[in-house]
């Protein structure tokens, strides 16, 4: 059975882009693979965090994992910092990564834009991501399309070390969904939906109230043409709404184009509100049941133990290859 690893940062409420681009894959894969899903709290401190809020967000993400359908009996759910191997392997990989390849990371360039100097952690966090993956002899990494460059770095590091020290790591493959994976901002459909964007109406978070979902969708940027058709280049706003509608309803974009032929954007938006609210309702209900329960705490404790049991033999092998320890 193939082993799957992926993780999400605890930096605020997840939005529908996170769900459609990654979390839905997490749920699907758990029936056919050995799945390990992590709340990557160490990644979140590449920028300053309020410690109390961070602890809350860690539990929020873990509860959302379960709320969207990840079953802790089928998959391992745990918090990254509870497994020491992540930090330990990160340093070993950092010593085998090059500043040139890290400086070419697109996300670092975006996050460091406008800064005279950026934290070293922000520069090096793709190596920590590689450590997260390689620590578990991972075969498959389900992530959003924006993470392709980081998966390639992980593969490069694994191959580089395997060539130099002998077979040390499994070389993983990224798995990217083809539709609904790249959900764009509602206020600017040329930019990816982001939980850090200043405009609350630019995104739909998984825990948003129906009234907020309605407001965000009804205000979504479209165009002046008034024709409902999928055309990312010329109609990015309408295309984004059709993609979201398709992902939540199961209808193809072509079916939706035919359904709304001759109708205005108002009808499309109104129906999309209903489809989105209905899709998120069971997730929100399950989240409320889990979030403050002993069940969540027990799942995370058990998950850390199970994750450590896999990570420790890998670290033993890595140390032996590098000549570390006695």
C-alpha atoms as a PDB file:
ATOM      1  CA  UNK A   1       0.000   0.000   0.000  1.00  0.00           C
ATOM      2  CA  UNK A   2       1.330   3.440  -0.963  1.00  0.00           C
ATOM      3  CA  UNK A   3       2.060   5.931   1.815  1.00  0.00           C
ATOM      4  CA  UNK A   4       0.635   9.461   1.592  1.00  0.00           C
ATOM      5  CA  UNK A   5       1.766  12.535   3.520  1.00  0.00           C
ATOM      6  CA  UNK A   6       0.518  16.107   3.484  1.00  0.00           C
ATOM      7  CA  UNK A   7       0.019  18.987   5.877  1.00  0.00           C
ATOM      8  CA  UNK A   8      -1.721  22.312   6.416  1.00  0.00           C
ATOM      9  CA  UNK A   9      -0.507  25.369   8.309  1.00  0.00           C
ATOM     10  CA  UNK A  10      -2.541  26.500  11.352  1.00  0.00           C
ATOM     11  CA  UNK A  11      -2.690  30.147  10.360  1.00  0.00           C
ATOM     12  CA  UNK A  12      -6.396  30.885  10.320  1.00  0.00           C
ATOM     13  CA  UNK A  13      -9.618  29.391   9.056  1.00  0.00           C
ATOM     14  CA  UNK A  14      -9.200  27.278   5.916  1.00  0.00           C
ATOM     15  CA  UNK A  15     -11.052  28.446   2.816  1.00  0.00           C
ATOM     16  CA  UNK A  16     -12.738  26.593  -0.016  1.00  0.00           C
ATOM     17  CA  UNK A  17      -9.560  26.751  -2.097  1.00  0.00           C
ATOM     18  CA  UNK A  18      -7.737  24.713   0.581  1.00  0.00           C
ATOM     19  CA  UNK A  19     -10.646  22.285   0.664  1.00  0.00           C
ATOM     20  CA  UNK A  20     -11.065  21.787  -3.087  1.00  0.00           C
ATOM     21  CA  UNK A  21      -7.328  21.854  -3.816  1.00  0.00           C
ATOM     22  CA  UNK A  22      -6.097  19.513  -1.085  1.00  0.00           C
ATOM     23  CA  UNK A  23      -8.469  18.373   1.669  1.00  0.00           C
ATOM     24  CA  UNK A  24     -10.882  16.572  -0.670  1.00  0.00           C
ATOM     25  CA  UNK A  25      -7.920  14.577  -1.945  1.00  0.00           C
ATOM     26  CA  UNK A  26      -6.947  13.742   1.638  1.00  0.00           C
ATOM     27  CA  UNK A  27     -10.344  12.147   2.196  1.00  0.00           C
ATOM     28  CA  UNK A  28     -10.376  10.210  -1.079  1.00  0.00           C
ATOM     29  CA  UNK A  29      -6.883   8.781  -0.598  1.00  0.00           C
ATOM     30  CA  UNK A  30      -7.457   7.380   2.900  1.00  0.00           C
ATOM     31  CA  UNK A  31      -9.405   4.407   1.515  1.00  0.00           C
ATOM     32  CA  UNK A  32      -6.629   3.277  -0.821  1.00  0.00           C
ATOM     33  CA  UNK A  33      -3.394   4.302   0.893  1.00  0.00           C
ATOM     34  CA  UNK A  34      -1.647   4.613   4.255  1.00  0.00           C
ATOM     35  CA  UNK A  35      -2.293   8.301   4.959  1.00  0.00           C
ATOM     36  CA  UNK A  36      -0.411  10.642   7.316  1.00  0.00           C
ATOM     37  CA  UNK A  37      -1.856  14.133   7.715  1.00  0.00           C
ATOM     38  CA  UNK A  38      -0.061  16.764   9.742  1.00  0.00           C
ATOM     39  CA  UNK A  39      -0.866  20.182  11.215  1.00  0.00           C
ATOM     40  CA  UNK A  40       2.411  21.895  10.290  1.00  0.00           C
ATOM     41  CA  UNK A  41       2.717  24.308  13.206  1.00  0.00           C
ATOM     42  CA  UNK A  42       6.484  24.772  12.814  1.00  0.00           C
ATOM     43  CA  UNK A  43       5.918  26.195   9.337  1.00  0.00           C
ATOM     44  CA  UNK A  44       3.565  28.825  10.725  1.00  0.00           C
ATOM     45  CA  UNK A  45       6.261  30.537  12.826  1.00  0.00           C
ATOM     46  CA  UNK A  46       8.204  31.678   9.760  1.00  0.00           C
ATOM     47  CA  UNK A  47       6.203  34.844  10.481  1.00  0.00           C
ATOM     48  CA  UNK A  48       5.319  36.148  13.975  1.00  0.00           C
ATOM     49  CA  UNK A  49       2.386  34.387  15.673  1.00  0.00           C
ATOM     50  CA  UNK A  50       0.409  35.028  18.838  1.00  0.00           C
ATOM     51  CA  UNK A  51       1.184  31.868  20.891  1.00  0.00           C
ATOM     52  CA  UNK A  52      -2.333  31.569  22.324  1.00  0.00           C
ATOM     53  CA  UNK A  53      -3.983  32.015  18.940  1.00  0.00           C
ATOM     54  CA  UNK A  54      -1.562  29.551  17.373  1.00  0.00           C
ATOM     55  CA  UNK A  55      -2.555  26.848  19.884  1.00  0.00           C
ATOM     56  CA  UNK A  56      -6.211  27.500  19.058  1.00  0.00           C
ATOM     57  CA  UNK A  57      -5.565  27.381  15.317  1.00  0.00           C
ATOM     58  CA  UNK A  58      -3.715  24.050  15.649  1.00  0.00           C
ATOM     59  CA  UNK A  59      -6.833  22.492  17.144  1.00  0.00           C
ATOM     60  CA  UNK A  60      -9.033  24.243  14.570  1.00  0.00           C
ATOM     61  CA  UNK A  61      -7.144  22.651  11.674  1.00  0.00           C
ATOM     62  CA  UNK A  62      -7.079  19.219  13.309  1.00  0.00           C
ATOM     63  CA  UNK A  63     -10.842  19.446  13.903  1.00  0.00           C
ATOM     64  CA  UNK A  64     -11.391  20.520  10.286  1.00  0.00           C
ATOM     65  CA  UNK A  65      -9.381  17.518   9.083  1.00  0.00           C
ATOM     66  CA  UNK A  66     -11.888  15.289  10.835  1.00  0.00           C
ATOM     67  CA  UNK A  67     -14.877  17.442   9.898  1.00  0.00           C
ATOM     68  CA  UNK A  68     -14.205  17.164   6.155  1.00  0.00           C
ATOM     69  CA  UNK A  69     -14.128  13.378   6.467  1.00  0.00           C
ATOM     70  CA  UNK A  70     -10.623  12.234   7.441  1.00  0.00           C
ATOM     71  CA  UNK A  71     -11.074   9.209   9.675  1.00  0.00           C
ATOM     72  CA  UNK A  72      -8.400   8.815  12.414  1.00  0.00           C
ATOM     73  CA  UNK A  73      -8.973   5.057  12.281  1.00  0.00           C
ATOM     74  CA  UNK A  74      -7.860   5.075   8.649  1.00  0.00           C
ATOM     75  CA  UNK A  75      -5.333   7.928   8.715  1.00  0.00           C
ATOM     76  CA  UNK A  76      -2.796   9.391  11.153  1.00  0.00           C
ATOM     77  CA  UNK A  77      -3.599  12.951  12.251  1.00  0.00           C
ATOM     78  CA  UNK A  78      -0.968  14.717  14.358  1.00  0.00           C
ATOM     79  CA  UNK A  79       0.838  17.992  15.102  1.00  0.00           C
ATOM     80  CA  UNK A  80       4.235  18.473  13.460  1.00  0.00           C
ATOM     81  CA  UNK A  81       6.113  19.764  16.523  1.00  0.00           C
ATOM     82  CA  UNK A  82       5.085  16.659  18.493  1.00  0.00           C
ATOM     83  CA  UNK A  83       7.450  14.579  16.320  1.00  0.00           C
ATOM     84  CA  UNK A  84      11.111  15.651  16.854  1.00  0.00           C
ATOM     85  CA  UNK A  85      12.254  14.038  13.609  1.00  0.00           C
ATOM     86  CA  UNK A  86      10.848  16.922  11.554  1.00  0.00           C
ATOM     87  CA  UNK A  87      13.297  19.450  13.020  1.00  0.00           C
ATOM     88  CA  UNK A  88      16.159  16.947  13.105  1.00  0.00           C
ATOM     89  CA  UNK A  89      15.822  15.925   9.460  1.00  0.00           C
ATOM     90  CA  UNK A  90      15.275  19.550   8.462  1.00  0.00           C
ATOM     91  CA  UNK A  91      18.823  20.426   9.577  1.00  0.00           C
ATOM     92  CA  UNK A  92      20.362  17.484   7.713  1.00  0.00           C
ATOM     93  CA  UNK A  93      18.529  18.438   4.521  1.00  0.00           C
ATOM     94  CA  UNK A  94      19.410  22.130   4.956  1.00  0.00           C
ATOM     95  CA  UNK A  95      23.065  21.120   4.899  1.00  0.00           C
ATOM     96  CA  UNK A  96      22.445  19.493   1.513  1.00  0.00           C
ATOM     97  CA  UNK A  97      20.373  22.270  -0.058  1.00  0.00           C
ATOM     98  CA  UNK A  98      21.802  25.257  -1.929  1.00  0.00           C
ATOM     99  CA  UNK A  99      20.986  28.938  -1.520  1.00  0.00           C
ATOM    100  CA  UNK A 100      20.571  29.273  -5.286  1.00  0.00           C
ATOM    101  CA  UNK A 101      17.743  26.746  -5.503  1.00  0.00           C
ATOM    102  CA  UNK A 102      16.025  28.176  -2.421  1.00  0.00           C
ATOM    103  CA  UNK A 103      16.240  31.731  -3.764  1.00  0.00           C
ATOM    104  CA  UNK A 104      14.376  30.602  -6.891  1.00  0.00           C
ATOM    105  CA  UNK A 105      11.322  29.474  -4.914  1.00  0.00           C
ATOM    106  CA  UNK A 106       8.368  31.496  -6.230  1.00  0.00           C
ATOM    107  CA  UNK A 107       6.529  31.578  -2.912  1.00  0.00           C
ATOM    108  CA  UNK A 108       9.561  32.958  -1.091  1.00  0.00           C
ATOM    109  CA  UNK A 109       9.834  35.748  -3.653  1.00  0.00           C
ATOM    110  CA  UNK A 110       6.152  36.588  -3.156  1.00  0.00           C
ATOM    111  CA  UNK A 111       6.269  36.512   0.653  1.00  0.00           C
ATOM    112  CA  UNK A 112       9.538  38.449   0.859  1.00  0.00           C
ATOM    113  CA  UNK A 113       8.477  41.075  -1.674  1.00  0.00           C
ATOM    114  CA  UNK A 114       8.933  44.609  -0.390  1.00  0.00           C
ATOM    115  CA  UNK A 115      11.103  43.545   2.552  1.00  0.00           C
ATOM    116  CA  UNK A 116      14.658  44.741   2.938  1.00  0.00           C
ATOM    117  CA  UNK A 117      15.429  41.526   4.820  1.00  0.00           C
ATOM    118  CA  UNK A 118      13.343  38.387   5.357  1.00  0.00           C
ATOM    119  CA  UNK A 119      13.544  35.825   8.196  1.00  0.00           C
ATOM    120  CA  UNK A 120      15.875  32.909   7.458  1.00  0.00           C
ATOM    121  CA  UNK A 121      13.008  30.541   8.287  1.00  0.00           C
ATOM    122  CA  UNK A 122      10.942  32.015   5.461  1.00  0.00           C
ATOM    123  CA  UNK A 123      13.851  31.364   3.095  1.00  0.00           C
ATOM    124  CA  UNK A 124      14.462  27.805   4.298  1.00  0.00           C
ATOM    125  CA  UNK A 125      10.936  26.562   4.936  1.00  0.00           C
ATOM    126  CA  UNK A 126      10.786  24.554   1.654  1.00  0.00           C
ATOM    127  CA  UNK A 127      13.534  22.387   3.178  1.00  0.00           C
ATOM    128  CA  UNK A 128      11.394  21.790   6.271  1.00  0.00           C
ATOM    129  CA  UNK A 129       8.569  20.821   3.926  1.00  0.00           C
ATOM    130  CA  UNK A 130      10.929  18.334   2.278  1.00  0.00           C
ATOM    131  CA  UNK A 131      11.815  16.945   5.708  1.00  0.00           C
ATOM    132  CA  UNK A 132       8.113  16.538   6.533  1.00  0.00           C
ATOM    133  CA  UNK A 133       7.668  14.404   3.434  1.00  0.00           C
ATOM    134  CA  UNK A 134      10.884  12.379   3.454  1.00  0.00           C
ATOM    135  CA  UNK A 135      10.615  11.554   7.166  1.00  0.00           C
ATOM    136  CA  UNK A 136       7.826   9.064   6.431  1.00  0.00           C
ATOM    137  CA  UNK A 137       9.141   7.320   3.299  1.00  0.00           C
ATOM    138  CA  UNK A 138       6.292   9.041   1.496  1.00  0.00           C
ATOM    139  CA  UNK A 139       5.197   7.833  -1.945  1.00  0.00           C
ATOM    140  CA  UNK A 140       2.466  10.389  -2.721  1.00  0.00           C
ATOM    141  CA  UNK A 141       2.014  14.033  -1.671  1.00  0.00           C
ATOM    142  CA  UNK A 142      -1.466  15.463  -2.373  1.00  0.00           C
ATOM    143  CA  UNK A 143      -1.164  19.251  -2.536  1.00  0.00           C
ATOM    144  CA  UNK A 144      -2.452  22.261  -4.424  1.00  0.00           C
ATOM    145  CA  UNK A 145      -0.888  23.147  -7.766  1.00  0.00           C
ATOM    146  CA  UNK A 146       0.972  26.063  -6.172  1.00  0.00           C
ATOM    147  CA  UNK A 147       3.192  23.547  -4.325  1.00  0.00           C
ATOM    148  CA  UNK A 148       4.642  21.875  -7.429  1.00  0.00           C
ATOM    149  CA  UNK A 149       7.957  23.701  -7.108  1.00  0.00           C
ATOM    150  CA  UNK A 150       8.348  22.550  -3.487  1.00  0.00           C
ATOM    151  CA  UNK A 151       7.658  18.939  -4.446  1.00  0.00           C
ATOM    152  CA  UNK A 152      10.358  19.175  -7.103  1.00  0.00           C
ATOM    153  CA  UNK A 153      12.825  20.486  -4.501  1.00  0.00           C
ATOM    154  CA  UNK A 154      11.943  17.559  -2.229  1.00  0.00           C
ATOM    155  CA  UNK A 155      12.581  15.096  -5.046  1.00  0.00           C
ATOM    156  CA  UNK A 156      15.873  16.814  -5.938  1.00  0.00           C
ATOM    157  CA  UNK A 157      17.104  16.625  -2.339  1.00  0.00           C
ATOM    158  CA  UNK A 158      16.133  12.953  -2.027  1.00  0.00           C
ATOM    159  CA  UNK A 159      17.854  12.020  -5.294  1.00  0.00           C
ATOM    160  CA  UNK A 160      20.944  14.093  -4.433  1.00  0.00           C
ATOM    161  CA  UNK A 161      21.376  12.373  -1.067  1.00  0.00           C
ATOM    162  CA  UNK A 162      20.575   8.918  -2.475  1.00  0.00           C
ATOM    163  CA  UNK A 163      23.274   9.390  -5.125  1.00  0.00           C
ATOM    164  CA  UNK A 164      25.848  10.550  -2.576  1.00  0.00           C
ATOM    165  CA  UNK A 165      25.122   8.314   0.423  1.00  0.00           C
ATOM    166  CA  UNK A 166      23.269   5.335  -1.027  1.00  0.00           C
ATOM    167  CA  UNK A 167      19.543   4.600  -0.894  1.00  0.00           C
ATOM    168  CA  UNK A 168      18.330   6.788   1.965  1.00  0.00           C
ATOM    169  CA  UNK A 169      14.973   8.246   0.938  1.00  0.00           C
ATOM    170  CA  UNK A 170      11.914   7.248  -1.032  1.00  0.00           C
ATOM    171  CA  UNK A 171      11.531   9.750  -3.902  1.00  0.00           C
ATOM    172  CA  UNK A 172       7.929  11.017  -3.649  1.00  0.00           C
ATOM    173  CA  UNK A 173       5.440  11.975  -6.333  1.00  0.00           C
ATOM    174  CA  UNK A 174       3.134  14.983  -6.130  1.00  0.00           C
ATOM    175  CA  UNK A 175      -0.562  14.445  -6.788  1.00  0.00           C
ATOM    176  CA  UNK A 176      -2.464  17.484  -8.049  1.00  0.00           C
ATOM    177  CA  UNK A 177      -6.169  17.708  -8.818  1.00  0.00           C
ATOM    178  CA  UNK A 178      -7.071  18.831 -12.322  1.00  0.00           C
ATOM    179  CA  UNK A 179     -10.250  20.804 -11.640  1.00  0.00           C
ATOM    180  CA  UNK A 180     -11.241  23.045  -8.769  1.00  0.00           C
ATOM    181  CA  UNK A 181      -7.655  22.981  -7.533  1.00  0.00           C
ATOM    182  CA  UNK A 182      -6.861  26.621  -8.105  1.00  0.00           C
ATOM    183  CA  UNK A 183      -9.682  28.671  -6.621  1.00  0.00           C
ATOM    184  CA  UNK A 184      -9.157  32.363  -7.233  1.00  0.00           C
ATOM    185  CA  UNK A 185      -9.967  35.358  -5.050  1.00  0.00           C
ATOM    186  CA  UNK A 186     -13.564  36.546  -5.419  1.00  0.00           C
ATOM    187  CA  UNK A 187     -12.537  40.214  -5.532  1.00  0.00           C
ATOM    188  CA  UNK A 188      -9.558  39.667  -7.854  1.00  0.00           C
ATOM    189  CA  UNK A 189      -9.900  36.510  -9.968  1.00  0.00           C
ATOM    190  CA  UNK A 190      -6.347  36.910 -11.271  1.00  0.00           C
ATOM    191  CA  UNK A 191      -4.972  36.096  -7.791  1.00  0.00           C
ATOM    192  CA  UNK A 192      -5.270  32.865  -5.833  1.00  0.00           C
ATOM    193  CA  UNK A 193      -7.750  32.797  -2.938  1.00  0.00           C
ATOM    194  CA  UNK A 194      -5.775  33.408   0.261  1.00  0.00           C
ATOM    195  CA  UNK A 195      -6.594  33.251   3.967  1.00  0.00           C
ATOM    196  CA  UNK A 196      -4.158  36.135   4.560  1.00  0.00           C
ATOM    197  CA  UNK A 197      -5.729  38.575   2.082  1.00  0.00           C
ATOM    198  CA  UNK A 198      -6.897  41.783   3.806  1.00  0.00           C
ATOM    199  CA  UNK A 199     -10.337  41.760   2.160  1.00  0.00           C
ATOM    200  CA  UNK A 200     -12.619  39.288   3.997  1.00  0.00           C
ATOM    201  CA  UNK A 201     -14.898  39.198   0.951  1.00  0.00           C
ATOM    202  CA  UNK A 202     -12.102  37.812  -1.227  1.00  0.00           C
ATOM    203  CA  UNK A 203     -12.584  34.298   0.155  1.00  0.00           C
ATOM    204  CA  UNK A 204     -15.101  31.845   1.553  1.00  0.00           C
ATOM    205  CA  UNK A 205     -13.845  30.113   4.676  1.00  0.00           C
ATOM    206  CA  UNK A 206     -15.085  26.655   5.595  1.00  0.00           C
ATOM    207  CA  UNK A 207     -16.646  27.949   8.824  1.00  0.00           C
ATOM    208  CA  UNK A 208     -18.273  31.086   7.398  1.00  0.00           C
ATOM    209  CA  UNK A 209     -21.911  31.782   8.230  1.00  0.00           C
ATOM    210  CA  UNK A 210     -24.383  31.579   5.295  1.00  0.00           C
ATOM    211  CA  UNK A 211     -24.878  35.367   5.407  1.00  0.00           C
ATOM    212  CA  UNK A 212     -21.154  35.976   4.915  1.00  0.00           C
ATOM    213  CA  UNK A 213     -20.988  33.390   2.105  1.00  0.00           C
ATOM    214  CA  UNK A 214     -23.884  35.122   0.366  1.00  0.00           C
ATOM    215  CA  UNK A 215     -22.316  38.546   0.712  1.00  0.00           C
ATOM    216  CA  UNK A 216     -18.958  37.371  -0.648  1.00  0.00           C
ATOM    217  CA  UNK A 217     -20.430  35.576  -3.676  1.00  0.00           C
ATOM    218  CA  UNK A 218     -22.907  38.313  -4.569  1.00  0.00           C
ATOM    219  CA  UNK A 219     -20.056  40.858  -4.483  1.00  0.00           C
ATOM    220  CA  UNK A 220     -17.714  38.653  -6.546  1.00  0.00           C
ATOM    221  CA  UNK A 221     -16.041  40.346  -9.498  1.00  0.00           C
ATOM    222  CA  UNK A 222     -17.401  39.375 -12.905  1.00  0.00           C
ATOM    223  CA  UNK A 223     -17.392  41.529 -16.086  1.00  0.00           C
ATOM    224  CA  UNK A 224     -19.686  43.678 -18.198  1.00  0.00           C
ATOM    225  CA  UNK A 225     -20.400  41.142 -20.956  1.00  0.00           C
ATOM    226  CA  UNK A 226     -23.294  39.445 -19.177  1.00  0.00           C
ATOM    227  CA  UNK A 227     -22.688  36.047 -20.799  1.00  0.00           C
ATOM    228  CA  UNK A 228     -22.044  32.962 -18.660  1.00  0.00           C
ATOM    229  CA  UNK A 229     -19.217  30.997 -20.262  1.00  0.00           C
ATOM    230  CA  UNK A 230     -15.902  29.565 -19.146  1.00  0.00           C
ATOM    231  CA  UNK A 231     -12.996  31.634 -20.480  1.00  0.00           C
ATOM    232  CA  UNK A 232     -10.183  32.106 -17.977  1.00  0.00           C
ATOM    233  CA  UNK A 233      -8.262  34.622 -20.092  1.00  0.00           C
ATOM    234  CA  UNK A 234     -11.137  36.950 -20.979  1.00  0.00           C
ATOM    235  CA  UNK A 235     -13.638  36.153 -18.193  1.00  0.00           C
ATOM    236  CA  UNK A 236     -11.588  35.159 -15.111  1.00  0.00           C
ATOM    237  CA  UNK A 237     -14.297  36.133 -12.594  1.00  0.00           C
ATOM    238  CA  UNK A 238     -17.123  34.157 -14.199  1.00  0.00           C
ATOM    239  CA  UNK A 239     -14.766  31.241 -14.888  1.00  0.00           C
ATOM    240  CA  UNK A 240     -13.804  31.158 -11.203  1.00  0.00           C
ATOM    241  CA  UNK A 241     -17.470  31.043 -10.130  1.00  0.00           C
ATOM    242  CA  UNK A 242     -18.174  28.239 -12.615  1.00  0.00           C
ATOM    243  CA  UNK A 243     -15.185  26.250 -11.309  1.00  0.00           C
ATOM    244  CA  UNK A 244     -16.372  26.567  -7.711  1.00  0.00           C
ATOM    245  CA  UNK A 245     -19.951  25.672  -8.707  1.00  0.00           C
ATOM    246  CA  UNK A 246     -18.720  22.630 -10.640  1.00  0.00           C
ATOM    247  CA  UNK A 247     -16.528  21.399  -7.771  1.00  0.00           C
ATOM    248  CA  UNK A 248     -19.328  21.614  -5.193  1.00  0.00           C
ATOM    249  CA  UNK A 249     -22.216  20.410  -7.361  1.00  0.00           C
ATOM    250  CA  UNK A 250     -20.540  17.656  -9.372  1.00  0.00           C
ATOM    251  CA  UNK A 251     -21.843  19.181 -12.605  1.00  0.00           C
ATOM    252  CA  UNK A 252     -19.372  19.821 -15.406  1.00  0.00           C
ATOM    253  CA  UNK A 253     -18.610  23.377 -16.498  1.00  0.00           C
ATOM    254  CA  UNK A 254     -20.208  22.557 -19.859  1.00  0.00           C
ATOM    255  CA  UNK A 255     -23.433  21.508 -18.123  1.00  0.00           C
ATOM    256  CA  UNK A 256     -23.457  24.738 -16.151  1.00  0.00           C
ATOM    257  CA  UNK A 257     -22.876  26.838 -19.270  1.00  0.00           C
ATOM    258  CA  UNK A 258     -25.885  25.164 -20.890  1.00  0.00           C
ATOM    259  CA  UNK A 259     -27.981  25.512 -17.702  1.00  0.00           C
ATOM    260  CA  UNK A 260     -27.398  29.273 -17.517  1.00  0.00           C
ATOM    261  CA  UNK A 261     -27.489  30.081 -21.207  1.00  0.00           C
ATOM    262  CA  UNK A 262     -29.299  33.372 -21.694  1.00  0.00           C
ATOM    263  CA  UNK A 263     -29.342  34.141 -17.961  1.00  0.00           C
ATOM    264  CA  UNK A 264     -27.515  36.870 -16.078  1.00  0.00           C
ATOM    265  CA  UNK A 265     -24.805  36.684 -13.456  1.00  0.00           C
ATOM    266  CA  UNK A 266     -27.310  37.295 -10.665  1.00  0.00           C
ATOM    267  CA  UNK A 267     -28.971  33.900 -11.149  1.00  0.00           C
ATOM    268  CA  UNK A 268     -25.590  32.146 -11.285  1.00  0.00           C
ATOM    269  CA  UNK A 269     -24.443  33.816  -8.073  1.00  0.00           C
ATOM    270  CA  UNK A 270     -27.724  33.209  -6.258  1.00  0.00           C
ATOM    271  CA  UNK A 271     -27.641  29.491  -7.049  1.00  0.00           C
ATOM    272  CA  UNK A 272     -23.932  29.268  -6.204  1.00  0.00           C
ATOM    273  CA  UNK A 273     -24.691  30.657  -2.737  1.00  0.00           C
ATOM    274  CA  UNK A 274     -27.157  27.827  -2.120  1.00  0.00           C
ATOM    275  CA  UNK A 275     -24.811  25.152  -3.484  1.00  0.00           C
ATOM    276  CA  UNK A 276     -21.894  26.414  -1.360  1.00  0.00           C
ATOM    277  CA  UNK A 277     -23.894  26.779   1.856  1.00  0.00           C
ATOM    278  CA  UNK A 278     -25.301  23.258   1.453  1.00  0.00           C
ATOM    279  CA  UNK A 279     -21.848  21.796   0.754  1.00  0.00           C
ATOM    280  CA  UNK A 280     -20.278  23.400   3.837  1.00  0.00           C
ATOM    281  CA  UNK A 281     -23.147  22.757   6.294  1.00  0.00           C
ATOM    282  CA  UNK A 282     -22.172  19.168   7.236  1.00  0.00           C
ATOM    283  CA  UNK A 283     -18.516  20.188   7.645  1.00  0.00           C
ATOM    284  CA  UNK A 284     -19.497  22.996  10.006  1.00  0.00           C
ATOM    285  CA  UNK A 285     -21.793  20.760  12.020  1.00  0.00           C
ATOM    286  CA  UNK A 286     -19.137  18.079  12.492  1.00  0.00           C
ATOM    287  CA  UNK A 287     -16.522  20.721  13.396  1.00  0.00           C
ATOM    288  CA  UNK A 288     -18.694  21.977  16.253  1.00  0.00           C
ATOM    289  CA  UNK A 289     -19.024  18.427  17.601  1.00  0.00           C
ATOM    290  CA  UNK A 290     -15.260  17.801  17.553  1.00  0.00           C
ATOM    291  CA  UNK A 291     -13.484  21.067  18.283  1.00  0.00           C
ATOM    292  CA  UNK A 292     -13.720  21.179  22.090  1.00  0.00           C
ATOM    293  CA  UNK A 293     -14.000  17.442  22.692  1.00  0.00           C
ATOM    294  CA  UNK A 294     -11.684  14.956  24.383  1.00  0.00           C
ATOM    295  CA  UNK A 295     -11.911  13.016  21.135  1.00  0.00           C
ATOM    296  CA  UNK A 296      -9.765  15.625  19.352  1.00  0.00           C
ATOM    297  CA  UNK A 297      -7.057  15.614  22.049  1.00  0.00           C
ATOM    298  CA  UNK A 298      -6.930  11.821  22.073  1.00  0.00           C
ATOM    299  CA  UNK A 299      -6.724  11.630  18.275  1.00  0.00           C
ATOM    300  CA  UNK A 300      -3.737  14.014  18.228  1.00  0.00           C
ATOM    301  CA  UNK A 301      -1.911  12.173  21.034  1.00  0.00           C
ATOM    302  CA  UNK A 302      -2.449   8.825  19.335  1.00  0.00           C
ATOM    303  CA  UNK A 303      -1.454  10.323  15.982  1.00  0.00           C
ATOM    304  CA  UNK A 304       1.841  11.648  17.355  1.00  0.00           C
ATOM    305  CA  UNK A 305       2.715   8.212  18.763  1.00  0.00           C
ATOM    306  CA  UNK A 306       1.918   6.490  15.472  1.00  0.00           C
ATOM    307  CA  UNK A 307       3.829   9.103  13.465  1.00  0.00           C
ATOM    308  CA  UNK A 308       6.881   8.789  15.752  1.00  0.00           C
ATOM    309  CA  UNK A 309       6.843   5.026  15.305  1.00  0.00           C
ATOM    310  CA  UNK A 310       7.320   5.537  11.552  1.00  0.00           C
ATOM    311  CA  UNK A 311       9.723   8.491  11.780  1.00  0.00           C
ATOM    312  CA  UNK A 312      12.226   7.061  14.260  1.00  0.00           C
ATOM    313  CA  UNK A 313      13.450   4.157  12.067  1.00  0.00           C
ATOM    314  CA  UNK A 314      13.812   6.583   9.136  1.00  0.00           C
ATOM    315  CA  UNK A 315      15.941   8.942  11.256  1.00  0.00           C
ATOM    316  CA  UNK A 316      18.041   5.995  12.425  1.00  0.00           C
ATOM    317  CA  UNK A 317      18.692   5.062   8.788  1.00  0.00           C
ATOM    318  CA  UNK A 318      19.520   8.676   7.835  1.00  0.00           C
ATOM    319  CA  UNK A 319      21.980   9.089  10.729  1.00  0.00           C
ATOM    320  CA  UNK A 320      23.715   5.852   9.784  1.00  0.00           C
ATOM    321  CA  UNK A 321      24.092   7.021   6.158  1.00  0.00           C
ATOM    322  CA  UNK A 322      25.558  10.362   7.295  1.00  0.00           C
ATOM    323  CA  UNK A 323      27.751   8.895  10.041  1.00  0.00           C
ATOM    324  CA  UNK A 324      25.975  10.770  12.820  1.00  0.00           C
ATOM    325  CA  UNK A 325      25.890   9.598  16.447  1.00  0.00           C
ATOM    326  CA  UNK A 326      27.612   6.580  18.010  1.00  0.00           C
END
